């Protein structure tokens, strides 16, 4: 088992699977899910055309709008989707929607220390 994240080649295979599935199933929107520091679900919706960029660079959002994330002076944050969490919403038949959980990063590319997924990974590393 890997310590904090899967090997790069596995992430690439999973991302390729997600990109192919989105195209084959005609998925119209992908919701990038993350939680604030209190555990409330937040999301950013993207189109399939933005998905490859989201995997490579992350999607920028205003972190100052999320409780506990960033002060106004350092507002930009990046949501990077985790392709291993990809799921198609089963309750939508006509316009299919998919979702993925994200890890939040600072603009410098460092994991945001207040992101609950980062906190969990850090604690799992300490426990193992």
N, C-alpha and C. Protein backbone atom coordinates (compact mmCIF):
# COMPACT_ATOMS: atom_id res chain seq x y z
N UNK A 1 0.84 -1.18 0.00
CA UNK A 1 0.00 0.00 0.00
C UNK A 1 0.88 1.24 0.00
N UNK A 2 0.49 2.27 -0.74
CA UNK A 2 1.25 3.51 -0.80
C UNK A 2 0.90 4.40 0.38
N UNK A 3 1.84 5.30 0.71
CA UNK A 3 1.65 6.10 1.92
C UNK A 3 0.62 7.22 1.76
N UNK A 4 0.79 8.11 0.79
CA UNK A 4 -0.15 9.23 0.70
C UNK A 4 -0.90 9.28 -0.61
N UNK A 5 -0.35 8.80 -1.67
CA UNK A 5 -1.07 8.82 -2.93
C UNK A 5 -0.63 7.64 -3.79
N UNK A 6 -1.50 7.20 -4.70
CA UNK A 6 -1.15 6.06 -5.55
C UNK A 6 -0.01 6.41 -6.50
N UNK A 7 0.67 5.40 -7.00
CA UNK A 7 1.74 5.65 -7.97
C UNK A 7 1.22 6.41 -9.18
N UNK A 8 2.08 7.22 -9.79
CA UNK A 8 1.71 8.09 -10.92
C UNK A 8 1.10 7.29 -12.07
N UNK A 9 1.66 6.11 -12.40
CA UNK A 9 1.13 5.34 -13.53
C UNK A 9 -0.29 4.85 -13.27
N UNK A 10 -0.61 4.54 -12.01
CA UNK A 10 -1.98 4.14 -11.68
C UNK A 10 -2.93 5.31 -11.84
N UNK A 11 -2.52 6.50 -11.39
CA UNK A 11 -3.35 7.69 -11.53
C UNK A 11 -3.59 7.99 -13.00
N UNK A 12 -2.58 7.82 -13.84
CA UNK A 12 -2.72 8.07 -15.27
C UNK A 12 -3.71 7.09 -15.89
N UNK A 13 -3.63 5.82 -15.54
CA UNK A 13 -4.57 4.82 -16.06
C UNK A 13 -5.99 5.14 -15.61
N UNK A 14 -6.14 5.53 -14.35
CA UNK A 14 -7.47 5.86 -13.84
C UNK A 14 -8.01 7.11 -14.54
N UNK A 15 -7.17 8.11 -14.74
CA UNK A 15 -7.60 9.33 -15.44
C UNK A 15 -8.00 9.01 -16.87
N UNK A 16 -7.24 8.16 -17.55
CA UNK A 16 -7.58 7.75 -18.91
C UNK A 16 -8.94 7.04 -18.95
N UNK A 17 -9.18 6.18 -17.97
CA UNK A 17 -10.47 5.49 -17.87
C UNK A 17 -11.60 6.50 -17.70
N UNK A 18 -11.40 7.49 -16.83
CA UNK A 18 -12.43 8.50 -16.59
C UNK A 18 -12.70 9.29 -17.87
N UNK A 19 -11.66 9.74 -18.53
CA UNK A 19 -11.83 10.51 -19.77
C UNK A 19 -12.58 9.70 -20.83
N UNK A 20 -12.22 8.44 -20.97
CA UNK A 20 -12.86 7.56 -21.95
C UNK A 20 -14.34 7.33 -21.58
N UNK A 21 -14.61 7.08 -20.31
CA UNK A 21 -15.98 6.83 -19.85
C UNK A 21 -16.86 8.06 -20.05
N UNK A 22 -16.33 9.22 -19.73
CA UNK A 22 -17.09 10.47 -19.91
C UNK A 22 -17.49 10.64 -21.36
N UNK A 23 -16.57 10.36 -22.26
CA UNK A 23 -16.86 10.50 -23.69
C UNK A 23 -17.85 9.43 -24.16
N UNK A 24 -17.61 8.17 -23.80
CA UNK A 24 -18.47 7.07 -24.26
C UNK A 24 -19.90 7.18 -23.75
N UNK A 25 -20.08 7.65 -22.52
CA UNK A 25 -21.41 7.71 -21.92
C UNK A 25 -22.10 9.06 -22.12
N UNK A 26 -21.43 9.98 -22.79
CA UNK A 26 -22.03 11.27 -23.07
C UNK A 26 -22.33 12.09 -21.82
N UNK A 27 -21.44 12.01 -20.86
CA UNK A 27 -21.64 12.75 -19.61
C UNK A 27 -21.51 14.24 -19.89
N UNK A 28 -22.47 15.01 -19.39
CA UNK A 28 -22.54 16.45 -19.69
C UNK A 28 -21.81 17.32 -18.67
N UNK A 29 -21.81 16.90 -17.41
CA UNK A 29 -21.17 17.69 -16.36
C UNK A 29 -20.44 16.77 -15.40
N UNK A 30 -19.34 17.27 -14.85
CA UNK A 30 -18.62 16.55 -13.81
C UNK A 30 -18.57 17.47 -12.59
N UNK A 31 -19.03 16.95 -11.47
CA UNK A 31 -18.99 17.73 -10.23
C UNK A 31 -17.73 17.34 -9.46
N UNK A 32 -16.92 18.33 -9.17
CA UNK A 32 -15.72 18.12 -8.36
C UNK A 32 -16.09 18.42 -6.92
N UNK A 33 -16.11 17.40 -6.09
CA UNK A 33 -16.57 17.52 -4.71
C UNK A 33 -15.39 17.64 -3.75
N UNK A 34 -15.58 18.47 -2.73
CA UNK A 34 -14.64 18.58 -1.62
C UNK A 34 -15.43 19.10 -0.43
N UNK A 35 -14.84 19.07 0.74
CA UNK A 35 -15.53 19.57 1.91
C UNK A 35 -14.76 20.73 2.51
N UNK A 36 -15.50 21.58 3.23
CA UNK A 36 -14.83 22.65 3.96
C UNK A 36 -14.30 22.04 5.27
N UNK A 37 -13.68 22.87 6.12
CA UNK A 37 -13.08 22.33 7.33
C UNK A 37 -14.11 21.82 8.34
N UNK A 38 -15.37 22.18 8.15
CA UNK A 38 -16.42 21.68 9.03
C UNK A 38 -17.09 20.43 8.47
N UNK A 39 -16.67 20.00 7.29
CA UNK A 39 -17.21 18.78 6.70
C UNK A 39 -18.39 18.97 5.79
N UNK A 40 -18.75 20.22 5.46
CA UNK A 40 -19.87 20.47 4.56
C UNK A 40 -19.43 20.31 3.11
N UNK A 41 -20.22 19.58 2.33
CA UNK A 41 -19.89 19.31 0.94
C UNK A 41 -19.97 20.57 0.10
N UNK A 42 -18.95 20.80 -0.70
CA UNK A 42 -18.88 21.90 -1.66
C UNK A 42 -18.58 21.28 -3.02
N UNK A 43 -18.90 22.00 -4.09
CA UNK A 43 -18.59 21.44 -5.40
C UNK A 43 -18.35 22.53 -6.43
N UNK A 44 -17.64 22.14 -7.46
CA UNK A 44 -17.41 22.95 -8.64
C UNK A 44 -17.82 22.08 -9.81
N UNK A 45 -18.66 22.59 -10.69
CA UNK A 45 -19.07 21.81 -11.86
C UNK A 45 -18.23 22.22 -13.06
N UNK A 46 -17.79 21.22 -13.81
CA UNK A 46 -17.02 21.48 -15.03
C UNK A 46 -17.62 20.69 -16.18
N UNK A 47 -17.25 21.09 -17.38
CA UNK A 47 -17.68 20.37 -18.57
C UNK A 47 -16.64 19.31 -18.91
N UNK A 48 -17.00 18.33 -19.74
CA UNK A 48 -16.02 17.32 -20.15
C UNK A 48 -14.79 17.92 -20.82
N UNK A 49 -14.95 19.06 -21.50
CA UNK A 49 -13.81 19.70 -22.16
C UNK A 49 -12.77 20.20 -21.16
N UNK A 50 -13.18 20.47 -19.93
CA UNK A 50 -12.26 20.96 -18.90
C UNK A 50 -11.62 19.85 -18.07
N UNK A 51 -12.05 18.63 -18.27
CA UNK A 51 -11.64 17.53 -17.40
C UNK A 51 -10.15 17.22 -17.48
N UNK A 52 -9.58 17.17 -18.66
CA UNK A 52 -8.16 16.86 -18.79
C UNK A 52 -7.30 17.91 -18.09
N UNK A 53 -7.67 19.18 -18.24
CA UNK A 53 -6.95 20.26 -17.55
C UNK A 53 -7.10 20.11 -16.04
N UNK A 54 -8.28 19.71 -15.58
CA UNK A 54 -8.51 19.51 -14.15
C UNK A 54 -7.58 18.44 -13.59
N UNK A 55 -7.37 17.35 -14.35
CA UNK A 55 -6.44 16.30 -13.90
C UNK A 55 -5.00 16.81 -13.86
N UNK A 56 -4.60 17.56 -14.87
CA UNK A 56 -3.21 18.00 -14.99
C UNK A 56 -2.87 19.17 -14.07
N UNK A 57 -3.75 20.17 -14.01
CA UNK A 57 -3.42 21.41 -13.31
C UNK A 57 -4.32 21.70 -12.12
N UNK A 58 -5.49 21.10 -12.06
CA UNK A 58 -6.48 21.43 -11.04
C UNK A 58 -7.36 22.56 -11.53
N UNK A 59 -8.48 22.73 -10.86
CA UNK A 59 -9.41 23.81 -11.20
C UNK A 59 -9.34 24.87 -10.11
N UNK A 60 -9.11 26.11 -10.53
CA UNK A 60 -8.99 27.21 -9.59
C UNK A 60 -10.36 27.61 -9.06
N UNK A 61 -10.43 27.90 -7.77
CA UNK A 61 -11.65 28.45 -7.18
C UNK A 61 -11.27 29.42 -6.08
N UNK A 62 -12.22 30.21 -5.66
CA UNK A 62 -11.99 31.24 -4.65
C UNK A 62 -12.07 30.62 -3.27
N UNK A 63 -10.92 30.36 -2.67
CA UNK A 63 -10.87 29.74 -1.35
C UNK A 63 -11.42 30.61 -0.24
N UNK A 64 -11.45 31.93 -0.44
CA UNK A 64 -11.96 32.81 0.62
C UNK A 64 -13.48 32.66 0.80
N UNK A 65 -14.14 32.06 -0.19
CA UNK A 65 -15.59 31.85 -0.10
C UNK A 65 -15.94 30.58 0.69
N UNK A 66 -14.94 29.77 1.04
CA UNK A 66 -15.16 28.52 1.75
C UNK A 66 -14.72 28.69 3.20
N UNK A 67 -15.60 28.38 4.15
CA UNK A 67 -15.28 28.52 5.57
C UNK A 67 -13.99 27.81 5.93
N UNK A 68 -13.06 28.55 6.51
CA UNK A 68 -11.82 27.98 7.01
C UNK A 68 -10.74 27.74 5.98
N UNK A 69 -10.95 28.14 4.72
CA UNK A 69 -9.96 27.84 3.70
C UNK A 69 -8.87 28.89 3.55
N UNK A 70 -9.19 30.10 3.18
CA UNK A 70 -8.14 31.08 2.92
C UNK A 70 -8.65 32.48 3.19
N UNK A 71 -7.71 33.33 3.56
CA UNK A 71 -8.05 34.74 3.71
C UNK A 71 -8.15 35.35 2.33
N UNK A 72 -8.75 36.52 2.23
CA UNK A 72 -8.97 37.19 0.95
C UNK A 72 -7.64 37.41 0.22
N UNK A 73 -6.56 37.72 0.96
CA UNK A 73 -5.27 37.98 0.33
C UNK A 73 -4.69 36.75 -0.36
N UNK A 74 -5.09 35.57 0.06
CA UNK A 74 -4.57 34.34 -0.52
C UNK A 74 -5.72 33.44 -0.95
N UNK A 75 -6.61 34.01 -1.76
CA UNK A 75 -7.89 33.37 -2.04
C UNK A 75 -7.84 32.20 -3.00
N UNK A 76 -6.97 32.20 -3.98
CA UNK A 76 -6.99 31.15 -4.99
C UNK A 76 -6.57 29.80 -4.42
N UNK A 77 -7.33 28.78 -4.75
CA UNK A 77 -7.03 27.40 -4.37
C UNK A 77 -7.25 26.53 -5.61
N UNK A 78 -6.68 25.34 -5.60
CA UNK A 78 -6.83 24.41 -6.72
C UNK A 78 -7.50 23.13 -6.24
N UNK A 79 -8.54 22.72 -6.94
CA UNK A 79 -9.20 21.44 -6.68
C UNK A 79 -8.72 20.45 -7.74
N UNK A 80 -8.01 19.41 -7.29
CA UNK A 80 -7.53 18.37 -8.21
C UNK A 80 -8.34 17.11 -7.99
N UNK A 81 -9.06 16.66 -9.02
CA UNK A 81 -9.90 15.47 -8.87
C UNK A 81 -9.07 14.20 -8.70
N UNK A 82 -9.58 13.31 -7.88
CA UNK A 82 -8.99 12.00 -7.65
C UNK A 82 -9.74 11.02 -8.54
N UNK A 83 -9.13 10.55 -9.65
CA UNK A 83 -9.86 9.70 -10.58
C UNK A 83 -10.32 8.37 -9.99
N UNK A 84 -9.72 7.94 -8.89
CA UNK A 84 -10.15 6.68 -8.27
C UNK A 84 -11.51 6.82 -7.59
N UNK A 85 -12.02 8.04 -7.45
CA UNK A 85 -13.32 8.26 -6.81
C UNK A 85 -14.42 8.55 -7.83
N UNK A 86 -14.15 8.41 -9.10
CA UNK A 86 -15.10 8.69 -10.17
C UNK A 86 -16.36 7.84 -10.05
N UNK A 87 -17.51 8.49 -10.17
CA UNK A 87 -18.79 7.79 -10.16
C UNK A 87 -19.78 8.56 -11.02
N UNK A 88 -20.64 7.82 -11.70
CA UNK A 88 -21.72 8.42 -12.48
C UNK A 88 -22.95 8.42 -11.61
N UNK A 89 -23.64 9.56 -11.53
CA UNK A 89 -24.86 9.63 -10.73
C UNK A 89 -25.91 8.69 -11.32
N UNK A 90 -26.37 7.72 -10.56
CA UNK A 90 -27.32 6.74 -11.11
C UNK A 90 -28.74 7.28 -11.28
N UNK A 91 -29.06 8.39 -10.69
CA UNK A 91 -30.44 8.91 -10.73
C UNK A 91 -30.70 9.83 -11.89
N UNK A 92 -29.71 10.07 -12.75
CA UNK A 92 -29.90 10.94 -13.91
C UNK A 92 -29.85 10.08 -15.17
N UNK A 93 -30.93 10.03 -15.92
CA UNK A 93 -30.97 9.22 -17.14
C UNK A 93 -30.71 10.04 -18.39
N UNK A 94 -31.27 11.24 -18.48
CA UNK A 94 -31.17 12.02 -19.71
C UNK A 94 -29.81 12.71 -19.83
N UNK A 95 -29.53 13.66 -18.97
CA UNK A 95 -28.25 14.35 -18.98
C UNK A 95 -27.41 13.77 -17.85
N UNK A 96 -26.52 12.87 -18.21
CA UNK A 96 -25.75 12.19 -17.17
C UNK A 96 -24.73 13.13 -16.54
N UNK A 97 -24.58 12.97 -15.23
CA UNK A 97 -23.66 13.76 -14.43
C UNK A 97 -22.77 12.79 -13.66
N UNK A 98 -21.49 13.12 -13.57
CA UNK A 98 -20.55 12.31 -12.80
C UNK A 98 -19.95 13.17 -11.70
N UNK A 99 -19.26 12.52 -10.77
CA UNK A 99 -18.62 13.27 -9.69
C UNK A 99 -17.29 12.60 -9.33
N UNK A 100 -16.43 13.40 -8.71
CA UNK A 100 -15.16 12.91 -8.17
C UNK A 100 -14.82 13.74 -6.95
N UNK A 101 -14.21 13.11 -5.97
CA UNK A 101 -13.70 13.83 -4.83
C UNK A 101 -12.37 14.49 -5.22
N UNK A 102 -12.08 15.62 -4.59
CA UNK A 102 -10.87 16.37 -4.91
C UNK A 102 -9.98 16.53 -3.70
N UNK A 103 -8.70 16.71 -3.98
CA UNK A 103 -7.73 17.14 -2.99
C UNK A 103 -7.48 18.60 -3.28
N UNK A 104 -7.43 19.43 -2.25
CA UNK A 104 -7.25 20.87 -2.42
C UNK A 104 -5.78 21.22 -2.25
N UNK A 105 -5.29 22.05 -3.19
CA UNK A 105 -3.90 22.50 -3.19
C UNK A 105 -3.85 24.02 -3.16
N UNK A 106 -2.73 24.54 -2.68
CA UNK A 106 -2.48 25.97 -2.76
C UNK A 106 -1.98 26.28 -4.16
N UNK A 107 -1.95 27.56 -4.57
CA UNK A 107 -1.43 27.89 -5.90
C UNK A 107 0.04 27.47 -6.10
N UNK A 108 0.78 27.28 -5.01
CA UNK A 108 2.17 26.84 -5.09
C UNK A 108 2.31 25.35 -5.35
N UNK A 109 1.18 24.64 -5.37
CA UNK A 109 1.20 23.20 -5.62
C UNK A 109 1.34 22.36 -4.37
N UNK A 110 1.29 22.98 -3.20
CA UNK A 110 1.37 22.25 -1.94
C UNK A 110 -0.04 21.85 -1.49
N UNK A 111 -0.20 20.65 -0.91
CA UNK A 111 -1.52 20.29 -0.38
C UNK A 111 -1.94 21.31 0.67
N UNK A 112 -3.19 21.75 0.61
CA UNK A 112 -3.71 22.71 1.57
C UNK A 112 -3.85 22.00 2.92
N UNK A 113 -3.17 22.47 3.97
CA UNK A 113 -3.18 21.76 5.25
C UNK A 113 -4.56 21.66 5.92
N UNK A 114 -5.51 22.51 5.54
CA UNK A 114 -6.84 22.46 6.12
C UNK A 114 -7.82 21.59 5.36
N UNK A 115 -7.40 21.01 4.24
CA UNK A 115 -8.28 20.14 3.46
C UNK A 115 -8.49 18.84 4.23
N UNK A 116 -9.74 18.46 4.50
CA UNK A 116 -9.98 17.24 5.27
C UNK A 116 -9.33 15.98 4.69
N UNK A 117 -9.24 15.87 3.38
CA UNK A 117 -8.59 14.68 2.80
C UNK A 117 -7.09 14.70 3.08
N UNK A 118 -6.48 15.88 3.06
CA UNK A 118 -5.06 16.02 3.39
C UNK A 118 -4.83 15.70 4.86
N UNK A 119 -5.72 16.17 5.71
CA UNK A 119 -5.63 15.88 7.15
C UNK A 119 -5.71 14.37 7.37
N UNK A 120 -6.63 13.72 6.70
CA UNK A 120 -6.77 12.27 6.84
C UNK A 120 -5.49 11.56 6.38
N UNK A 121 -4.96 11.92 5.22
CA UNK A 121 -3.73 11.29 4.73
C UNK A 121 -2.58 11.49 5.71
N UNK A 122 -2.46 12.70 6.26
CA UNK A 122 -1.39 13.00 7.21
C UNK A 122 -1.53 12.12 8.46
N UNK A 123 -2.76 11.96 8.95
CA UNK A 123 -2.98 11.12 10.13
C UNK A 123 -2.77 9.64 9.84
N UNK A 124 -3.12 9.20 8.63
CA UNK A 124 -2.85 7.80 8.27
C UNK A 124 -1.36 7.52 8.20
N UNK A 125 -0.58 8.51 7.71
CA UNK A 125 0.87 8.35 7.67
C UNK A 125 1.45 8.22 9.08
N UNK A 126 0.93 9.03 9.99
CA UNK A 126 1.40 8.98 11.38
C UNK A 126 1.04 7.64 12.02
N UNK A 127 -0.15 7.14 11.72
CA UNK A 127 -0.63 5.90 12.32
C UNK A 127 0.08 4.66 11.79
N UNK A 128 0.64 4.74 10.57
CA UNK A 128 1.27 3.53 10.01
C UNK A 128 2.74 3.45 10.26
